[in-house]
Amino acid sequence: MTTDTTTKDTAPGAPAPGTTILDARGVTMRFGGLTAVNGVDLTVNSGEIVGLIGPNGAGKTTFFNCLTGLYIPTEGEVRYKDRVLPAKSFKVTAAGIARTFQNIRLFANMTVLENVLVGRHTRTKEGFWSAVLRGPGFHRAEKASRERALELLEFVGLAAKADHLARNLPYGEQRKLEIARALASEPGLLLLDEPTAGMNPQETRATEELVFAIRDKGIAVLVIEHDMRFIFNLCDRVAVLVQGEKLVEGDSATVQGDERVVAAYLGEPLADDPGAAEAAEVEAAEAAQAQAAEATGAAETAEADTTTDTAAGKENDR
């Protein structure tokens, strides 16, 4: 027998606003001698949009992979709604966490609608005989999944292209389709990995509005992004990763005003950095060297002028 286990308007069993739904504690991921993520703590509450930023190579996507079961953390644990997540990505999806990827991963030769239907598989339960015999229960579930997929395409603005091949969609619409497919699993938490990468300003603004609409449906969001204007306009809280460690966390104003964040992105030394004194000495030495060179050049010029004047006087004496 086949059953469909989801609701249509909000995440199933959505907790009260402010309830912690994701609790990552001391997450560490090592690859041989390389520590990609080191002791990171992060929480996401229901009704929140949380941002995760940091320079390239900071460990953001590795941390996402630890949250979604693609990697098993070397140390630490990840809890979703106070339950430790299983170390299998499909089980994490079934538990209620969905994600998109930095590089779009659609089924290019399937239609837009079919791509979303793929995302429904964790929310339908089809027995072997139901699938083989294709009885009334199977057809009811199939119809319900199709209706839900069409609703999601309407939600992201792709309903008119349901029968188009995914590969024929413009880049920005492929991003929307990937979000719709993630939403098809009816998550309580959606992880977005650089959702506006490669988008123009209009597409970025549309994505921002879409993420707000997702949050309004009771789905919490954790997002990685390099577009700082997008992330600070969007998020309730922002955490900064640098070299695999959480540097600072807070609201947009707190993070933007932290000099360590500026230093991490721009490579500028901090005022109390031990390297600052050395840099000042080098700068002073370079300035002194420039002054000495300037003085030497002036003396050589004066000597040359004197020699020229003497030679001219001798020429006049002849």
Protein backbone atom coordinates (compact mmCIF):
# COMPACT_ATOMS: atom_id res chain seq x y z
CA MET A 1 0.00 0.00 0.00
CA THR A 2 1.18 3.55 -0.72
CA THR A 3 0.80 6.54 1.54
CA ASP A 4 1.86 10.17 1.38
CA THR A 5 3.07 11.48 4.73
CA THR A 6 3.28 15.24 4.27
CA THR A 7 1.22 18.38 4.68
CA LYS A 8 1.06 21.07 2.04
CA ASP A 9 1.39 24.50 3.60
CA THR A 10 4.04 24.30 6.30
CA ALA A 11 6.75 21.99 7.51
CA PRO A 12 5.20 18.99 9.27
CA GLY A 13 5.17 19.33 13.04
CA ALA A 14 6.80 22.76 12.87
CA PRO A 15 8.05 23.70 16.36
CA ALA A 16 7.20 26.93 18.10
CA PRO A 17 9.27 29.96 17.03
CA GLY A 18 12.56 30.17 18.91
CA THR A 19 12.83 26.43 19.51
CA THR A 20 16.28 25.02 18.74
CA ILE A 21 15.97 22.62 15.83
CA LEU A 22 19.64 22.25 14.83
CA ASP A 23 22.33 21.93 17.48
CA ALA A 24 25.86 21.23 16.24
CA ARG A 25 28.33 20.73 19.09
CA GLY A 26 32.10 20.62 18.73
CA VAL A 27 31.96 19.48 15.11
CA THR A 28 35.46 18.58 13.91
CA MET A 29 36.41 17.08 10.56
CA ARG A 30 39.92 15.86 9.82
CA PHE A 31 41.27 14.48 6.56
CA GLY A 32 44.53 12.80 7.50
CA GLY A 33 46.71 15.55 8.95
CA LEU A 34 44.42 18.35 7.72
CA THR A 35 41.78 19.74 10.07
CA ALA A 36 39.11 21.25 7.82
CA VAL A 37 36.63 22.04 10.61
CA ASN A 38 37.71 22.43 14.22
CA GLY A 39 35.30 22.35 17.17
CA VAL A 40 32.48 24.37 15.60
CA ASP A 41 29.30 24.99 17.60
CA LEU A 42 26.21 26.32 15.84
CA THR A 43 22.50 26.40 16.55
CA VAL A 44 19.56 27.24 14.32
CA ASN A 45 16.17 28.04 15.83
CA SER A 46 12.77 27.65 14.23
CA GLY A 47 11.74 30.76 12.33
CA GLU A 48 15.37 31.83 11.83
CA ILE A 49 17.57 32.47 8.83
CA VAL A 50 21.20 31.96 9.83
CA GLY A 51 24.17 32.80 7.62
CA LEU A 52 27.55 31.08 7.46
CA ILE A 53 30.32 33.12 5.86
CA GLY A 54 34.08 33.05 5.60
CA PRO A 55 36.94 33.32 3.10
CA ASN A 56 37.48 30.61 0.50
CA GLY A 57 38.79 27.44 2.14
CA ALA A 58 37.35 28.34 5.54
CA GLY A 59 35.53 24.99 5.85
CA LYS A 60 31.95 26.11 5.21
CA THR A 61 30.93 23.41 2.74
CA THR A 62 32.77 20.75 4.76
CA PHE A 63 30.70 21.82 7.77
CA PHE A 64 27.52 21.56 5.66
CA ASN A 65 28.56 18.05 4.63
CA CYS A 66 28.94 17.12 8.29
CA LEU A 67 25.44 18.40 9.02
CA THR A 68 23.85 16.46 6.17
CA GLY A 69 25.51 13.07 6.59
CA LEU A 70 27.83 13.24 3.59
CA TYR A 71 30.71 13.24 6.09
CA ILE A 72 30.84 11.59 9.49
CA PRO A 73 32.44 14.16 11.84
CA THR A 74 35.73 13.06 13.40
CA GLU A 75 34.51 14.59 16.66
CA GLY A 76 31.34 16.22 17.95
CA GLU A 77 27.70 15.58 17.20
CA VAL A 78 24.81 17.05 15.25
CA ARG A 79 21.29 17.04 16.70
CA TYR A 80 18.08 17.83 14.85
CA LYS A 81 15.08 18.44 17.09
CA ASP A 82 17.13 17.05 19.98
CA ARG A 83 17.94 13.77 18.24
CA VAL A 84 21.41 12.82 17.05
CA LEU A 85 21.34 12.63 13.27
CA PRO A 86 22.17 9.31 11.58
CA ALA A 87 25.37 9.19 9.56
CA LYS A 88 23.62 8.61 6.22
CA SER A 89 22.57 11.46 3.94
CA PHE A 90 19.25 9.88 2.90
CA LYS A 91 18.37 9.31 6.56
CA VAL A 92 19.21 12.95 7.34
CA THR A 93 16.83 14.00 4.55
CA ALA A 94 14.14 11.71 5.92
CA ALA A 95 14.69 13.23 9.39
CA GLY A 96 13.85 16.69 8.03
CA ILE A 97 16.98 18.42 6.68
CA ALA A 98 17.30 19.21 2.98
CA ARG A 99 20.04 21.03 1.09
CA THR A 100 21.13 22.48 -2.21
CA PHE A 101 24.68 22.37 -3.55
CA GLN A 102 27.22 24.97 -4.59
CA ASN A 103 27.39 23.30 -8.01
CA ILE A 104 23.90 22.66 -9.36
CA ARG A 105 23.00 18.95 -9.31
CA LEU A 106 19.87 18.50 -11.37
CA PHE A 107 18.82 15.61 -13.59
CA ALA A 108 19.46 17.46 -16.82
CA ASN A 109 17.54 15.10 -19.12
CA MET A 110 14.46 14.94 -16.90
CA THR A 111 11.68 17.50 -16.94
CA VAL A 112 11.31 20.21 -14.35
CA LEU A 113 8.35 18.38 -12.81
CA GLU A 114 10.20 15.05 -12.74
CA ASN A 115 13.12 16.65 -10.89
CA VAL A 116 10.78 17.82 -8.14
CA LEU A 117 9.06 14.43 -7.98
CA VAL A 118 12.46 12.85 -7.28
CA GLY A 119 12.60 14.95 -4.13
CA ARG A 120 9.32 13.40 -2.97
CA HIS A 121 10.71 9.90 -2.51
CA THR A 122 11.43 10.33 1.22
CA ARG A 123 7.81 11.33 1.84
CA THR A 124 6.10 8.43 0.12
CA LYS A 125 6.04 4.83 1.31
CA GLU A 126 5.43 2.35 -1.42
CA GLY A 127 5.48 -1.36 -0.79
CA PHE A 128 6.78 -3.78 -3.38
CA TRP A 129 3.38 -5.14 -4.33
CA SER A 130 1.87 -1.67 -4.46
CA ALA A 131 4.49 -0.60 -6.97
CA VAL A 132 4.09 -3.79 -9.02
CA LEU A 133 0.30 -3.98 -9.00
CA ARG A 134 -0.20 -0.22 -9.26
CA GLY A 135 -3.46 -0.40 -7.37
CA PRO A 136 -5.71 2.45 -6.17
CA GLY A 137 -3.40 3.33 -3.24
CA PHE A 138 -0.44 3.71 -5.57
CA HIS A 139 -2.36 5.99 -7.92
CA ARG A 140 -3.64 8.13 -5.05
CA ALA A 141 -0.11 8.66 -3.76
CA GLU A 142 1.20 9.34 -7.26
CA LYS A 143 -1.50 11.95 -7.81
CA ALA A 144 -0.83 13.58 -4.42
CA SER A 145 2.92 13.78 -5.15
CA ARG A 146 2.28 15.32 -8.55
CA GLU A 147 -0.07 17.92 -7.09
CA ARG A 148 2.43 18.80 -4.39
CA ALA A 149 5.26 19.08 -6.93
CA LEU A 150 3.17 21.45 -9.05
CA GLU A 151 2.41 23.55 -5.96
CA LEU A 152 6.13 23.86 -5.27
CA LEU A 153 6.84 24.85 -8.87
CA GLU A 154 4.16 27.52 -8.55
CA PHE A 155 5.78 28.65 -5.30
CA VAL A 156 9.21 29.17 -6.91
CA GLY A 157 7.77 30.58 -10.15
CA LEU A 158 8.39 27.64 -12.50
CA ALA A 159 4.90 26.19 -12.94
CA ALA A 160 4.75 27.30 -16.58
CA LYS A 161 7.92 25.29 -17.33
CA ALA A 162 6.93 22.03 -15.65
CA ASP A 163 7.33 20.05 -18.89
CA HIS A 164 10.62 21.67 -19.96
CA LEU A 165 13.85 19.73 -19.68
CA ALA A 166 15.92 20.94 -16.72
CA ARG A 167 18.97 21.49 -18.92
CA ASN A 168 17.06 24.05 -20.99
CA LEU A 169 16.33 26.36 -18.06
CA PRO A 170 18.35 29.56 -17.62
CA TYR A 171 20.91 29.42 -14.82
CA GLY A 172 18.84 31.37 -12.30
CA GLU A 173 15.83 29.13 -12.86
CA GLN A 174 17.95 26.02 -12.41
CA ARG A 175 18.82 27.36 -8.96
CA LYS A 176 15.11 27.80 -8.22
CA LEU A 177 14.41 24.26 -9.41
CA GLU A 178 17.04 22.86 -7.08
CA ILE A 179 15.38 24.70 -4.18
CA ALA A 180 11.96 23.34 -5.21
CA ARG A 181 13.36 19.81 -5.29
CA ALA A 182 14.83 20.26 -1.80
CA LEU A 183 11.49 21.58 -0.53
CA ALA A 184 9.76 18.49 -1.97
CA SER A 185 11.14 16.45 0.94
CA GLU A 186 9.16 18.73 3.29
CA PRO A 187 12.12 19.76 5.47
CA GLY A 188 12.04 21.58 8.78
CA LEU A 189 15.50 22.98 7.98
CA LEU A 190 16.81 23.96 4.55
CA LEU A 191 20.55 24.35 3.92
CA LEU A 192 21.46 26.55 0.95
CA ASP A 193 25.04 26.45 -0.36
CA GLU A 194 25.73 29.70 -2.26
CA PRO A 195 22.22 30.06 -3.72
CA THR A 196 23.03 33.32 -5.57
CA ALA A 197 26.37 32.31 -7.09
CA GLY A 198 26.56 33.59 -10.65
CA MET A 199 23.31 35.55 -10.44
CA ASN A 200 22.69 39.12 -11.54
CA PRO A 201 21.24 41.66 -9.06
CA GLN A 202 17.63 41.04 -10.13
CA GLU A 203 17.99 37.28 -9.69
CA THR A 204 19.68 37.79 -6.34
CA ARG A 205 16.80 39.96 -5.14
CA ALA A 206 14.28 37.33 -6.29
CA THR A 207 16.21 34.66 -4.37
CA GLU A 208 16.18 36.81 -1.25
CA GLU A 209 12.39 37.13 -1.48
CA LEU A 210 12.08 33.38 -2.04
CA VAL A 211 14.12 32.58 1.08
CA PHE A 212 11.94 34.91 3.15
CA ALA A 213 8.86 33.14 1.77
CA ILE A 214 10.36 29.76 2.72
CA ARG A 215 10.96 31.01 6.25
CA ASP A 216 7.37 32.26 6.40
CA LYS A 217 6.20 28.70 5.73
CA GLY A 218 7.81 27.59 8.99
CA ILE A 219 11.07 26.28 7.53
CA ALA A 220 14.33 27.43 9.16
CA VAL A 221 17.19 28.25 6.80
CA LEU A 222 20.97 27.99 7.07
CA VAL A 223 22.77 29.61 4.16
CA ILE A 224 26.35 29.87 2.91
CA GLU A 225 26.99 32.87 0.70
CA HIS A 226 29.83 35.13 -0.48
CA ASP A 227 27.55 38.05 -1.38
CA MET A 228 27.80 40.10 1.82
CA ARG A 229 24.97 42.47 0.94
CA PHE A 230 22.68 39.50 0.37
CA ILE A 231 23.68 37.72 3.57
CA PHE A 232 23.43 40.75 5.86
CA ASN A 233 20.05 41.79 4.43
CA LEU A 234 18.72 38.27 4.78
CA CYS A 235 19.93 36.76 8.03
CA ASP A 236 18.89 37.08 11.66
CA ARG A 237 22.32 35.84 12.77
CA VAL A 238 25.62 35.33 10.98
CA ALA A 239 28.51 33.04 11.96
CA VAL A 240 32.00 33.52 10.52
CA LEU A 241 34.34 30.59 9.86
CA VAL A 242 38.06 31.20 9.39
CA GLN A 243 40.49 28.32 8.88
CA GLY A 244 37.89 25.85 10.07
CA GLU A 245 37.07 27.63 13.33
CA LYS A 246 34.16 29.87 14.28
CA LEU A 247 35.59 33.35 14.69
CA VAL A 248 32.50 35.31 15.70
CA GLU A 249 28.71 35.02 15.67
CA GLY A 250 26.01 37.63 16.03
CA ASP A 251 23.67 39.95 14.20
CA SER A 252 24.73 41.75 11.04
CA ALA A 253 25.93 44.89 12.83
CA THR A 254 28.04 42.91 15.29
CA VAL A 255 29.73 40.86 12.59
CA GLN A 256 30.34 43.77 10.22
CA GLY A 257 31.87 45.81 13.03
CA ASP A 258 34.29 43.10 14.19
CA GLU A 259 37.83 43.98 13.11
CA ARG A 260 38.79 40.29 13.07
CA VAL A 261 36.25 39.68 10.31
CA VAL A 262 37.66 42.58 8.28
CA ALA A 263 41.17 41.23 8.79
CA ALA A 264 40.13 37.73 7.76
CA TYR A 265 38.59 38.94 4.49
CA LEU A 266 41.05 41.67 3.59
CA GLY A 267 44.23 40.19 5.03
CA GLU A 268 44.92 43.32 7.09
CA PRO A 269 46.86 42.87 10.38
CA LEU A 270 45.00 43.68 13.58
CA ALA A 271 46.15 46.52 15.84
CA ASP A 272 47.33 44.10 18.52
CA ASP A 273 48.69 41.53 16.09
CA PRO A 274 52.31 40.59 16.96
CA GLY A 275 53.15 41.11 13.30
CA ALA A 276 52.11 44.77 13.45
CA ALA A 277 55.32 45.90 15.16
CA GLU A 278 57.45 44.06 12.63
CA ALA A 279 55.47 45.58 9.78
CA ALA A 280 55.96 49.06 11.29
CA GLU A 281 59.73 48.50 11.53
CA VAL A 282 59.89 47.41 7.91
CA GLU A 283 57.86 50.44 6.86
CA ALA A 284 60.17 52.78 8.83
CA ALA A 285 63.27 51.13 7.34
CA GLU A 286 61.87 51.49 3.83
CA ALA A 287 61.10 55.17 4.48
CA ALA A 288 64.64 55.79 5.81
CA GLN A 289 66.10 54.02 2.80
CA ALA A 290 64.02 56.17 0.47
CA GLN A 291 65.17 59.35 2.27
CA ALA A 292 68.82 58.27 2.05
CA ALA A 293 68.45 57.53 -1.65
CA GLU A 294 66.84 60.91 -2.18
CA ALA A 295 69.68 62.67 -0.33
CA THR A 296 72.32 60.76 -2.28
CA GLY A 297 70.62 61.64 -5.52
CA ALA A 298 70.52 65.32 -4.57
CA ALA A 299 74.26 65.32 -3.70
CA GLU A 300 75.15 63.63 -6.98
CA THR A 301 73.09 66.20 -8.86
CA ALA A 302 74.83 69.09 -7.08
CA GLU A 303 78.28 67.59 -7.80
CA ALA A 304 77.39 67.16 -11.44
CA ASP A 305 76.26 70.78 -11.64
CA THR A 306 79.57 71.97 -10.09
CA THR A 307 81.63 69.92 -12.54
CA THR A 308 79.66 71.32 -15.43
CA ASP A 309 80.15 74.91 -14.23
CA THR A 310 83.96 74.38 -13.83
CA ALA A 311 84.27 72.87 -17.26
CA ALA A 312 82.36 75.75 -18.77
CA GLY A 313 84.64 78.27 -17.06
CA LYS A 314 87.73 76.57 -18.44
CA GLU A 315 86.17 76.59 -21.91
CA ASN A 316 85.66 80.34 -21.60
CA ASP A 317 89.27 80.85 -20.57
CA ARG A 318 90.49 79.38 -23.87
